[in-house]
Each structure stands twice: as C-alpha cells, then as structure tokens.
Amino acid sequence: MPQSDSSGFFIRQGFGPAGVASPPKRTLHDPMSKRLRLFPLNAVLFPGAVLNLHVFEPRYKQMISECLDSGEGFGVVLIREGDEAGDPSVSPHQIGSIAEIVEVTPLPLGRYYISTVGRQRFRISEIVSREPYLTVEADVLSEDTIDEVALEELTANVRGLFLEYVELLVEFSGEPATLDIPGDAQSTSYLVGDALQVADTMKQRLLEVNSTKQRLTVELSFLRRLLPQLRKLLERKETESAARKGRSQDETFRHDQEKFFGKYFSAN
C-alpha cells in the first residue's frame, strides 16, 4: 500500500519485477565494511524487494544526486525512535538493507522518482555524521550456508501456507495480486517476510535473523496464527455482506409497497 509523510518522500513497496525476488549476490571482492549514506524510513526493506521513492526533501535530493554520480546505493533502515523519517536526528535500527538504484526519473525542482531493489543486509557499526543526512560505517552481513535439501520440507510448508494466505487476502480485499514465489529457500524467506501483513517491528525481526531456517520457522509460526484470523474476518465480512443485501432487498420491497399501496399498507 502507498504510504506518505511530511519528511520529503513517497514510499511504495513491492517484491521484485513481477514479484520475483532478486537474491543478494556477493563476490570475493565485496568489502565486508563500507560507508553508507542512510535513508531512515518507516518501512523495512528486504533483499530482493522493490522500494519506489519520490524524493523531494533537500537533504535527500542531495543524497540521491551523490549516489547517482558515484554509482552507489544507499542504506535503508527502519526508524527505531523518532517521529519524522526525514529528520537525521532519528535513531535507526542497527540492521537494514542496501538499496540499489535501478531506475531514475528526474523531476522539476531537483526532485527524483527512483526505483530501488534491496540487496545485501548490513549492520551499522558507527554513525559518522548526521548532516546533511545520516552517514554510517556498516558491516555487510552474509547469510548462513543453506542446505536446500534439509530445508525442502520447511520451505514447502511455508510456501503452501503463504499461497493460502495470499488467496485469503485477495478474497478479503477484492484486489487482484500476482505473485511468483522464488525457487530457493533464502529468497522465499525474504519474499514472505516482505509480504506478510504484520507490524514493521515484526518485519524487522525477520530481517535481522541471520539463518534462513530460523526465518522460515518464524514465518511458518506467523502464518499458522494469521490464517485462522483471516478466515474469521472473511466469514464475518461475508455474513455482514449478506445482511446488508437482505436489508437492501427488504427496503426495495417496502419502497414498492409504499409506491403502489401507500405508507401504511400492511400485508397482514
């Protein structure tokens, strides 16, 4: 869902082109520690997830301009303390994801509309400066070694419940959704974490988990709790819809009675 605030940007999130995760890639030449320009948000960015931003606050227009000139990404972190996402004095969570800028639309007055994709996770080791925007030293995090065979059953269980979860959400909201679940366990864990309709603090917990198995296990627990709640909400919605339809039909019948027989007509 689109979100906006007074901090100078517009947020829209998704998960990869056509819902397909782009797993983070590391080479032997990737630094384990790097300096990052930081964009604190009221949102959690997972590796492979798409984050679109309309940037119009001066400090972030400068930041994006510098990122484009240098060909670098920037760090996205969930705000831990502070009300304004555009305030560099806010306190961010320690772990976030690097956002790679993949598409840019320059706008009047130096504004930008950018599309980014989450890449490696990182942990903030030190805040270097807060003006004109947050700059940090960060350690790039590597995921645990994954045994896909050992995780096959767990991943299949999560995928099955997640597909049911998405179907219920579509039925409840009436909004169509197209989602392709990636084939590997790690990308699946990131996709599910991004798509779950839970509080950002819960999403942050999932992002911070350094084990794909543990992340999938937590997500399985979430889904097992959320599915019965969604089914009850959907049943209640259907009951209320049927009641409204019945009232509407009754009101139409009474209106026709009054039209032909007067207000005080009674069939008794």
C-alpha atoms as a PDB file:
ATOM      1  CA  MET A   1       0.000   0.000   0.000  1.00  0.00           C
ATOM      2  CA  PRO A   2       1.278   3.517  -0.761  1.00  0.00           C
ATOM      3  CA  GLN A   3       2.482   5.477   2.258  1.00  0.00           C
ATOM      4  CA  SER A   4       3.358   9.127   2.579  1.00  0.00           C
ATOM      5  CA  ASP A   5       4.542  11.501   5.259  1.00  0.00           C
ATOM      6  CA  SER A   6       5.868  15.014   5.672  1.00  0.00           C
ATOM      7  CA  SER A   7       9.510  14.014   5.552  1.00  0.00           C
ATOM      8  CA  GLY A   8      10.014  14.602   1.873  1.00  0.00           C
ATOM      9  CA  PHE A   9       9.350  11.370   0.066  1.00  0.00           C
ATOM     10  CA  PHE A  10       6.683   8.959  -1.065  1.00  0.00           C
ATOM     11  CA  ILE A  11       7.072   5.231  -0.458  1.00  0.00           C
ATOM     12  CA  ARG A  12       5.781   2.305  -2.451  1.00  0.00           C
ATOM     13  CA  GLN A  13       6.996  -1.207  -1.838  1.00  0.00           C
ATOM     14  CA  GLY A  14       6.794  -4.500  -3.687  1.00  0.00           C
ATOM     15  CA  PHE A  15       8.930  -7.561  -4.284  1.00  0.00           C
ATOM     16  CA  GLY A  16      10.972  -7.695  -7.443  1.00  0.00           C
ATOM     17  CA  PRO A  17       9.769  -7.467 -11.035  1.00  0.00           C
ATOM     18  CA  ALA A  18       6.544  -9.500 -11.313  1.00  0.00           C
ATOM     19  CA  GLY A  19       7.016 -10.489  -7.678  1.00  0.00           C
ATOM     20  CA  VAL A  20      10.247 -12.400  -8.292  1.00  0.00           C
ATOM     21  CA  ALA A  21      12.972 -11.939  -5.707  1.00  0.00           C
ATOM     22  CA  SER A  22      16.449 -10.910  -6.790  1.00  0.00           C
ATOM     23  CA  PRO A  23      18.693 -12.580  -4.210  1.00  0.00           C
ATOM     24  CA  PRO A  24      21.688 -10.588  -2.977  1.00  0.00           C
ATOM     25  CA  LYS A  25      24.957 -11.514  -4.642  1.00  0.00           C
ATOM     26  CA  ARG A  26      28.414 -11.264  -3.134  1.00  0.00           C
ATOM     27  CA  THR A  27      31.826 -11.782  -4.685  1.00  0.00           C
ATOM     28  CA  LEU A  28      35.221 -12.180  -3.129  1.00  0.00           C
ATOM     29  CA  HIS A  29      35.872  -8.502  -3.894  1.00  0.00           C
ATOM     30  CA  ASP A  30      32.887  -7.219  -1.920  1.00  0.00           C
ATOM     31  CA  PRO A  31      34.028  -5.235   1.133  1.00  0.00           C
ATOM     32  CA  MET A  32      32.870  -6.539   4.486  1.00  0.00           C
ATOM     33  CA  SER A  33      32.703  -2.965   5.803  1.00  0.00           C
ATOM     34  CA  LYS A  34      31.681   0.162   3.930  1.00  0.00           C
ATOM     35  CA  ARG A  35      30.488   3.715   4.420  1.00  0.00           C
ATOM     36  CA  LEU A  36      26.827   4.195   3.573  1.00  0.00           C
ATOM     37  CA  ARG A  37      24.532   7.133   3.079  1.00  0.00           C
ATOM     38  CA  LEU A  38      21.469   6.292   5.129  1.00  0.00           C
ATOM     39  CA  PHE A  39      17.779   6.742   4.382  1.00  0.00           C
ATOM     40  CA  PRO A  40      15.823   6.004   7.588  1.00  0.00           C
ATOM     41  CA  LEU A  41      12.211   5.106   6.815  1.00  0.00           C
ATOM     42  CA  ASN A  42       9.024   3.915   8.446  1.00  0.00           C
ATOM     43  CA  ALA A  43       9.430   0.752   6.377  1.00  0.00           C
ATOM     44  CA  VAL A  44      11.570  -2.396   6.226  1.00  0.00           C
ATOM     45  CA  LEU A  45      13.423  -3.276   3.020  1.00  0.00           C
ATOM     46  CA  PHE A  46      14.213  -6.953   2.404  1.00  0.00           C
ATOM     47  CA  PRO A  47      16.819  -8.228  -0.073  1.00  0.00           C
ATOM     48  CA  GLY A  48      15.074  -8.650  -3.441  1.00  0.00           C
ATOM     49  CA  ALA A  49      12.189  -6.324  -2.549  1.00  0.00           C
ATOM     50  CA  VAL A  50      11.335  -3.275  -4.654  1.00  0.00           C
ATOM     51  CA  LEU A  51      11.138   0.134  -2.999  1.00  0.00           C
ATOM     52  CA  ASN A  52       9.981   3.149  -5.025  1.00  0.00           C
ATOM     53  CA  LEU A  53      10.597   6.628  -3.653  1.00  0.00           C
ATOM     54  CA  HIS A  54       9.540  10.122  -4.641  1.00  0.00           C
ATOM     55  CA  VAL A  55      12.379  12.191  -3.205  1.00  0.00           C
ATOM     56  CA  PHE A  56      11.740  15.894  -2.679  1.00  0.00           C
ATOM     57  CA  GLU A  57      13.354  16.966   0.612  1.00  0.00           C
ATOM     58  CA  PRO A  58      16.631  18.900   0.032  1.00  0.00           C
ATOM     59  CA  ARG A  59      18.880  16.597   2.093  1.00  0.00           C
ATOM     60  CA  TYR A  60      17.668  13.510   0.261  1.00  0.00           C
ATOM     61  CA  LYS A  61      17.741  15.177  -3.152  1.00  0.00           C
ATOM     62  CA  GLN A  62      21.430  15.826  -2.434  1.00  0.00           C
ATOM     63  CA  MET A  63      21.937  12.255  -1.235  1.00  0.00           C
ATOM     64  CA  ILE A  64      20.379  10.683  -4.312  1.00  0.00           C
ATOM     65  CA  SER A  65      22.299  13.031  -6.596  1.00  0.00           C
ATOM     66  CA  GLU A  66      25.555  11.939  -4.942  1.00  0.00           C
ATOM     67  CA  CYS A  67      24.572   8.259  -5.191  1.00  0.00           C
ATOM     68  CA  LEU A  68      23.860   8.648  -8.898  1.00  0.00           C
ATOM     69  CA  ASP A  69      27.158  10.446  -9.508  1.00  0.00           C
ATOM     70  CA  SER A  70      29.128   7.759  -7.654  1.00  0.00           C
ATOM     71  CA  GLY A  71      27.089   4.785  -8.876  1.00  0.00           C
ATOM     72  CA  GLU A  72      26.488   3.703  -5.292  1.00  0.00           C
ATOM     73  CA  GLY A  73      23.423   2.553  -3.423  1.00  0.00           C
ATOM     74  CA  PHE A  74      22.265   3.743  -0.028  1.00  0.00           C
ATOM     75  CA  GLY A  75      21.207   2.096   3.201  1.00  0.00           C
ATOM     76  CA  VAL A  76      17.547   1.741   4.181  1.00  0.00           C
ATOM     77  CA  VAL A  77      16.758   1.198   7.851  1.00  0.00           C
ATOM     78  CA  LEU A  78      13.594   1.200   9.916  1.00  0.00           C
ATOM     79  CA  ILE A  79      13.319   4.094  12.366  1.00  0.00           C
ATOM     80  CA  ARG A  80      13.530   2.860  15.949  1.00  0.00           C
ATOM     81  CA  GLU A  81      12.954   6.175  17.727  1.00  0.00           C
ATOM     82  CA  GLY A  82      11.777   9.471  16.279  1.00  0.00           C
ATOM     83  CA  ASP A  83       8.674  10.680  14.517  1.00  0.00           C
ATOM     84  CA  GLU A  84       9.933  12.055  11.230  1.00  0.00           C
ATOM     85  CA  ALA A  85      11.605   9.835   8.657  1.00  0.00           C
ATOM     86  CA  GLY A  86      13.219  12.944   7.165  1.00  0.00           C
ATOM     87  CA  ASP A  87      14.847  14.012  10.442  1.00  0.00           C
ATOM     88  CA  PRO A  88      18.536  12.983  10.601  1.00  0.00           C
ATOM     89  CA  SER A  89      18.395  13.029  14.409  1.00  0.00           C
ATOM     90  CA  VAL A  90      16.176   9.920  14.481  1.00  0.00           C
ATOM     91  CA  SER A  91      17.510   6.683  15.945  1.00  0.00           C
ATOM     92  CA  PRO A  92      17.599   3.860  13.360  1.00  0.00           C
ATOM     93  CA  HIS A  93      17.596   0.123  13.913  1.00  0.00           C
ATOM     94  CA  GLN A  94      21.056  -1.366  13.506  1.00  0.00           C
ATOM     95  CA  ILE A  95      20.255  -3.736  10.644  1.00  0.00           C
ATOM     96  CA  GLY A  96      18.933  -2.707   7.240  1.00  0.00           C
ATOM     97  CA  SER A  97      19.412  -3.442   3.542  1.00  0.00           C
ATOM     98  CA  ILE A  98      21.378  -1.681   0.838  1.00  0.00           C
ATOM     99  CA  ALA A  99      19.073  -0.202  -1.818  1.00  0.00           C
ATOM    100  CA  GLU A 100      20.410  -0.374  -5.363  1.00  0.00           C
ATOM    101  CA  ILE A 101      19.003   2.342  -7.633  1.00  0.00           C
ATOM    102  CA  VAL A 102      17.768   0.626 -10.792  1.00  0.00           C
ATOM    103  CA  GLU A 103      15.627   3.328 -12.389  1.00  0.00           C
ATOM    104  CA  VAL A 104      15.534   7.121 -12.103  1.00  0.00           C
ATOM    105  CA  THR A 105      13.047   9.698 -13.339  1.00  0.00           C
ATOM    106  CA  PRO A 106      14.299  13.279 -12.813  1.00  0.00           C
ATOM    107  CA  LEU A 107      11.515  15.692 -11.863  1.00  0.00           C
ATOM    108  CA  PRO A 108      11.263  19.507 -11.710  1.00  0.00           C
ATOM    109  CA  LEU A 109      12.968  21.368  -8.846  1.00  0.00           C
ATOM    110  CA  GLY A 110      15.638  18.705  -8.470  1.00  0.00           C
ATOM    111  CA  ARG A 111      13.228  16.029  -7.300  1.00  0.00           C
ATOM    112  CA  TYR A 112      13.531  12.369  -8.248  1.00  0.00           C
ATOM    113  CA  TYR A 113      11.291   9.380  -8.667  1.00  0.00           C
ATOM    114  CA  ILE A 114      13.528   6.355  -8.146  1.00  0.00           C
ATOM    115  CA  SER A 115      13.022   2.621  -8.168  1.00  0.00           C
ATOM    116  CA  THR A 116      15.345   0.567  -5.991  1.00  0.00           C
ATOM    117  CA  VAL A 117      15.908  -3.105  -5.177  1.00  0.00           C
ATOM    118  CA  GLY A 118      17.102  -4.389  -1.825  1.00  0.00           C
ATOM    119  CA  ARG A 119      20.484  -6.105  -1.913  1.00  0.00           C
ATOM    120  CA  GLN A 120      22.816  -7.079   0.957  1.00  0.00           C
ATOM    121  CA  ARG A 121      21.834  -6.699   4.565  1.00  0.00           C
ATOM    122  CA  PHE A 122      24.125  -4.603   6.743  1.00  0.00           C
ATOM    123  CA  ARG A 123      24.680  -3.748  10.395  1.00  0.00           C
ATOM    124  CA  ILE A 124      25.512  -0.200  11.453  1.00  0.00           C
ATOM    125  CA  SER A 125      28.786  -0.150  13.390  1.00  0.00           C
ATOM    126  CA  GLU A 126      29.141   3.625  13.774  1.00  0.00           C
ATOM    127  CA  ILE A 127      27.256   6.811  12.908  1.00  0.00           C
ATOM    128  CA  VAL A 128      29.783   9.039  11.147  1.00  0.00           C
ATOM    129  CA  SER A 129      27.653  12.165  10.672  1.00  0.00           C
ATOM    130  CA  ARG A 130      24.051  13.366  10.777  1.00  0.00           C
ATOM    131  CA  GLU A 131      24.254  16.362   8.452  1.00  0.00           C
ATOM    132  CA  PRO A 132      23.122  16.879   5.811  1.00  0.00           C
ATOM    133  CA  TYR A 133      21.903  13.275   6.145  1.00  0.00           C
ATOM    134  CA  LEU A 134      22.892  10.223   8.154  1.00  0.00           C
ATOM    135  CA  THR A 135      26.190   8.634   7.129  1.00  0.00           C
ATOM    136  CA  VAL A 136      27.359   5.419   8.775  1.00  0.00           C
ATOM    137  CA  GLU A 137      30.070   2.819   8.801  1.00  0.00           C
ATOM    138  CA  ALA A 138      28.390  -0.541   8.228  1.00  0.00           C
ATOM    139  CA  ASP A 139      29.356  -4.202   8.107  1.00  0.00           C
ATOM    140  CA  VAL A 140      27.862  -6.142   5.209  1.00  0.00           C
ATOM    141  CA  LEU A 141      26.169  -9.282   6.549  1.00  0.00           C
ATOM    142  CA  SER A 142      26.390 -12.683   4.928  1.00  0.00           C
ATOM    143  CA  GLU A 143      23.594 -15.233   5.207  1.00  0.00           C
ATOM    144  CA  ASP A 144      24.200 -18.622   6.731  1.00  0.00           C
ATOM    145  CA  THR A 145      25.201 -21.523   4.477  1.00  0.00           C
ATOM    146  CA  ILE A 146      21.999 -23.061   3.139  1.00  0.00           C
ATOM    147  CA  ASP A 147      21.350 -26.773   2.692  1.00  0.00           C
ATOM    148  CA  GLU A 148      18.388 -26.640   0.309  1.00  0.00           C
ATOM    149  CA  VAL A 149      17.657 -30.366   0.727  1.00  0.00           C
ATOM    150  CA  ALA A 150      17.478 -30.046   4.521  1.00  0.00           C
ATOM    151  CA  LEU A 151      15.126 -27.079   4.180  1.00  0.00           C
ATOM    152  CA  GLU A 152      12.967 -28.592   1.445  1.00  0.00           C
ATOM    153  CA  GLU A 153      10.061 -29.657   3.686  1.00  0.00           C
ATOM    154  CA  LEU A 154      10.096 -26.455   5.752  1.00  0.00           C
ATOM    155  CA  THR A 155      10.198 -24.292   2.617  1.00  0.00           C
ATOM    156  CA  ALA A 156       7.354 -26.271   1.029  1.00  0.00           C
ATOM    157  CA  ASN A 157       5.211 -25.845   4.161  1.00  0.00           C
ATOM    158  CA  VAL A 158       5.829 -22.097   4.227  1.00  0.00           C
ATOM    159  CA  ARG A 159       5.049 -21.764   0.512  1.00  0.00           C
ATOM    160  CA  GLY A 160       1.805 -23.713   0.854  1.00  0.00           C
ATOM    161  CA  LEU A 161       0.506 -21.661   3.782  1.00  0.00           C
ATOM    162  CA  PHE A 162       1.712 -18.428   2.193  1.00  0.00           C
ATOM    163  CA  LEU A 163      -0.222 -19.124  -1.035  1.00  0.00           C
ATOM    164  CA  GLU A 164      -3.363 -19.743   1.035  1.00  0.00           C
ATOM    165  CA  TYR A 165      -2.644 -16.524   2.942  1.00  0.00           C
ATOM    166  CA  VAL A 166      -2.382 -14.525  -0.298  1.00  0.00           C
ATOM    167  CA  GLU A 167      -5.610 -16.072  -1.648  1.00  0.00           C
ATOM    168  CA  LEU A 168      -7.467 -15.057   1.531  1.00  0.00           C
ATOM    169  CA  LEU A 169      -6.057 -11.528   1.362  1.00  0.00           C
ATOM    170  CA  VAL A 170      -7.180 -11.209  -2.257  1.00  0.00           C
ATOM    171  CA  GLU A 171     -10.636 -12.522  -1.397  1.00  0.00           C
ATOM    172  CA  PHE A 172     -10.914 -10.196   1.596  1.00  0.00           C
ATOM    173  CA  SER A 173      -9.675  -7.045  -0.155  1.00  0.00           C
ATOM    174  CA  GLY A 174     -11.094  -7.715  -3.607  1.00  0.00           C
ATOM    175  CA  GLU A 175      -7.756  -6.565  -5.047  1.00  0.00           C
ATOM    176  CA  PRO A 176      -6.082  -8.919  -7.553  1.00  0.00           C
ATOM    177  CA  ALA A 177      -2.498  -9.989  -6.898  1.00  0.00           C
ATOM    178  CA  THR A 178       0.134 -11.747  -8.980  1.00  0.00           C
ATOM    179  CA  LEU A 179       2.966 -13.298  -7.012  1.00  0.00           C
ATOM    180  CA  ASP A 180       5.629 -15.704  -8.201  1.00  0.00           C
ATOM    181  CA  ILE A 181       7.355 -17.480  -5.338  1.00  0.00           C
ATOM    182  CA  PRO A 182      11.092 -17.978  -5.968  1.00  0.00           C
ATOM    183  CA  GLY A 183      12.525 -21.466  -6.034  1.00  0.00           C
ATOM    184  CA  ASP A 184      15.192 -21.207  -3.340  1.00  0.00           C
ATOM    185  CA  ALA A 185      14.672 -21.148   0.411  1.00  0.00           C
ATOM    186  CA  GLN A 186      16.513 -17.890   1.153  1.00  0.00           C
ATOM    187  CA  SER A 187      14.645 -15.801  -1.435  1.00  0.00           C
ATOM    188  CA  THR A 188      11.372 -17.393  -0.338  1.00  0.00           C
ATOM    189  CA  SER A 189      12.068 -16.338   3.247  1.00  0.00           C
ATOM    190  CA  TYR A 190      12.682 -12.734   2.125  1.00  0.00           C
ATOM    191  CA  LEU A 191       9.577 -12.642  -0.088  1.00  0.00           C
ATOM    192  CA  VAL A 192       7.301 -13.956   2.662  1.00  0.00           C
ATOM    193  CA  GLY A 193       8.812 -11.555   5.186  1.00  0.00           C
ATOM    194  CA  ASP A 194       8.177  -8.635   2.849  1.00  0.00           C
ATOM    195  CA  ALA A 195       4.596  -9.664   2.012  1.00  0.00           C
ATOM    196  CA  LEU A 196       3.302 -10.547   5.481  1.00  0.00           C
ATOM    197  CA  GLN A 197       0.770  -8.000   6.761  1.00  0.00           C
ATOM    198  CA  VAL A 198       2.385  -7.604  10.164  1.00  0.00           C
ATOM    199  CA  ALA A 199       3.833  -4.681  12.097  1.00  0.00           C
ATOM    200  CA  ASP A 200       7.128  -3.233  10.862  1.00  0.00           C
ATOM    201  CA  THR A 201       8.740  -4.274  14.146  1.00  0.00           C
ATOM    202  CA  MET A 202       7.899  -7.891  13.283  1.00  0.00           C
ATOM    203  CA  LYS A 203       9.314  -7.446   9.782  1.00  0.00           C
ATOM    204  CA  GLN A 204      12.460  -6.007  11.340  1.00  0.00           C
ATOM    205  CA  ARG A 205      12.813  -9.126  13.486  1.00  0.00           C
ATOM    206  CA  LEU A 206      12.651 -11.273  10.350  1.00  0.00           C
ATOM    207  CA  LEU A 207      15.216  -9.098   8.563  1.00  0.00           C
ATOM    208  CA  GLU A 208      17.622  -9.371  11.492  1.00  0.00           C
ATOM    209  CA  VAL A 209      17.521 -13.177  11.598  1.00  0.00           C
ATOM    210  CA  ASN A 210      20.781 -14.482  10.143  1.00  0.00           C
ATOM    211  CA  SER A 211      19.514 -18.013   9.476  1.00  0.00           C
ATOM    212  CA  THR A 212      17.214 -18.879   6.581  1.00  0.00           C
ATOM    213  CA  LYS A 213      15.927 -21.875   8.519  1.00  0.00           C
ATOM    214  CA  GLN A 214      15.102 -19.743  11.556  1.00  0.00           C
ATOM    215  CA  ARG A 215      13.441 -17.067   9.399  1.00  0.00           C
ATOM    216  CA  LEU A 216      11.265 -19.664   7.655  1.00  0.00           C
ATOM    217  CA  THR A 217      10.396 -21.227  11.013  1.00  0.00           C
ATOM    218  CA  VAL A 218       9.230 -17.869  12.413  1.00  0.00           C
ATOM    219  CA  GLU A 219       7.248 -17.174   9.231  1.00  0.00           C
ATOM    220  CA  LEU A 220       5.593 -20.589   9.465  1.00  0.00           C
ATOM    221  CA  SER A 221       4.524 -19.719  13.005  1.00  0.00           C
ATOM    222  CA  PHE A 222       3.184 -16.334  11.851  1.00  0.00           C
ATOM    223  CA  LEU A 223       1.191 -17.913   9.034  1.00  0.00           C
ATOM    224  CA  ARG A 224      -0.316 -20.568  11.302  1.00  0.00           C
ATOM    225  CA  ARG A 225      -1.578 -17.782  13.578  1.00  0.00           C
ATOM    226  CA  LEU A 226      -2.665 -15.378  10.831  1.00  0.00           C
ATOM    227  CA  LEU A 227      -4.630 -17.818   8.669  1.00  0.00           C
ATOM    228  CA  PRO A 228      -7.377 -18.604  11.244  1.00  0.00           C
ATOM    229  CA  GLN A 229      -7.721 -14.870  11.947  1.00  0.00           C
ATOM    230  CA  LEU A 230      -8.099 -14.124   8.244  1.00  0.00           C
ATOM    231  CA  ARG A 231     -10.675 -16.891   7.805  1.00  0.00           C
ATOM    232  CA  LYS A 232     -12.749 -15.447  10.678  1.00  0.00           C
ATOM    233  CA  LEU A 233     -12.523 -11.937   9.222  1.00  0.00           C
ATOM    234  CA  LEU A 234     -13.602 -13.232   5.826  1.00  0.00           C
ATOM    235  CA  GLU A 235     -16.548 -15.140   7.333  1.00  0.00           C
ATOM    236  CA  ARG A 236     -17.617 -12.011   9.229  1.00  0.00           C
ATOM    237  CA  LYS A 237     -17.351  -9.931   6.069  1.00  0.00           C
ATOM    238  CA  GLU A 238     -19.478 -12.425   4.121  1.00  0.00           C
ATOM    239  CA  THR A 239     -22.084 -12.502   6.918  1.00  0.00           C
ATOM    240  CA  GLU A 240     -22.254  -8.697   7.052  1.00  0.00           C
ATOM    241  CA  SER A 241     -22.447  -8.509   3.260  1.00  0.00           C
ATOM    242  CA  ALA A 242     -25.344 -10.993   3.212  1.00  0.00           C
ATOM    243  CA  ALA A 243     -27.110  -8.992   5.956  1.00  0.00           C
ATOM    244  CA  ARG A 244     -26.692  -5.737   4.025  1.00  0.00           C
ATOM    245  CA  LYS A 245     -28.018  -7.416   0.895  1.00  0.00           C
ATOM    246  CA  GLY A 246     -31.037  -8.694   2.835  1.00  0.00           C
ATOM    247  CA  ARG A 247     -31.726  -5.215   4.232  1.00  0.00           C
ATOM    248  CA  SER A 248     -31.370  -3.704   0.790  1.00  0.00           C
ATOM    249  CA  GLN A 249     -33.866  -6.165  -0.681  1.00  0.00           C
ATOM    250  CA  ASP A 250     -36.282  -5.523   2.209  1.00  0.00           C
ATOM    251  CA  GLU A 251     -36.015  -1.754   1.728  1.00  0.00           C
ATOM    252  CA  THR A 252     -36.681  -2.136  -2.010  1.00  0.00           C
ATOM    253  CA  PHE A 253     -39.752  -4.279  -1.278  1.00  0.00           C
ATOM    254  CA  ARG A 254     -41.103  -1.738   1.224  1.00  0.00           C
ATOM    255  CA  HIS A 255     -40.455   1.098  -1.233  1.00  0.00           C
ATOM    256  CA  ASP A 256     -42.507  -0.722  -3.884  1.00  0.00           C
ATOM    257  CA  GLN A 257     -45.296  -1.316  -1.349  1.00  0.00           C
ATOM    258  CA  GLU A 258     -45.424   2.382  -0.496  1.00  0.00           C
ATOM    259  CA  LYS A 259     -45.357   3.331  -4.170  1.00  0.00           C
ATOM    260  CA  PHE A 260     -48.410   1.264  -5.049  1.00  0.00           C
ATOM    261  CA  PHE A 261     -50.336   0.954  -1.776  1.00  0.00           C
ATOM    262  CA  GLY A 262     -49.266   3.892   0.442  1.00  0.00           C
ATOM    263  CA  LYS A 263     -47.040   4.022   3.523  1.00  0.00           C
ATOM    264  CA  TYR A 264     -49.488   2.269   5.839  1.00  0.00           C
ATOM    265  CA  PHE A 265     -50.109  -0.763   3.652  1.00  0.00           C
ATOM    266  CA  SER A 266     -49.743  -3.993   5.552  1.00  0.00           C
ATOM    267  CA  ALA A 267     -49.752  -7.470   4.114  1.00  0.00           C
ATOM    268  CA  ASN A 268     -51.271  -8.776   7.380  1.00  0.00           C
END
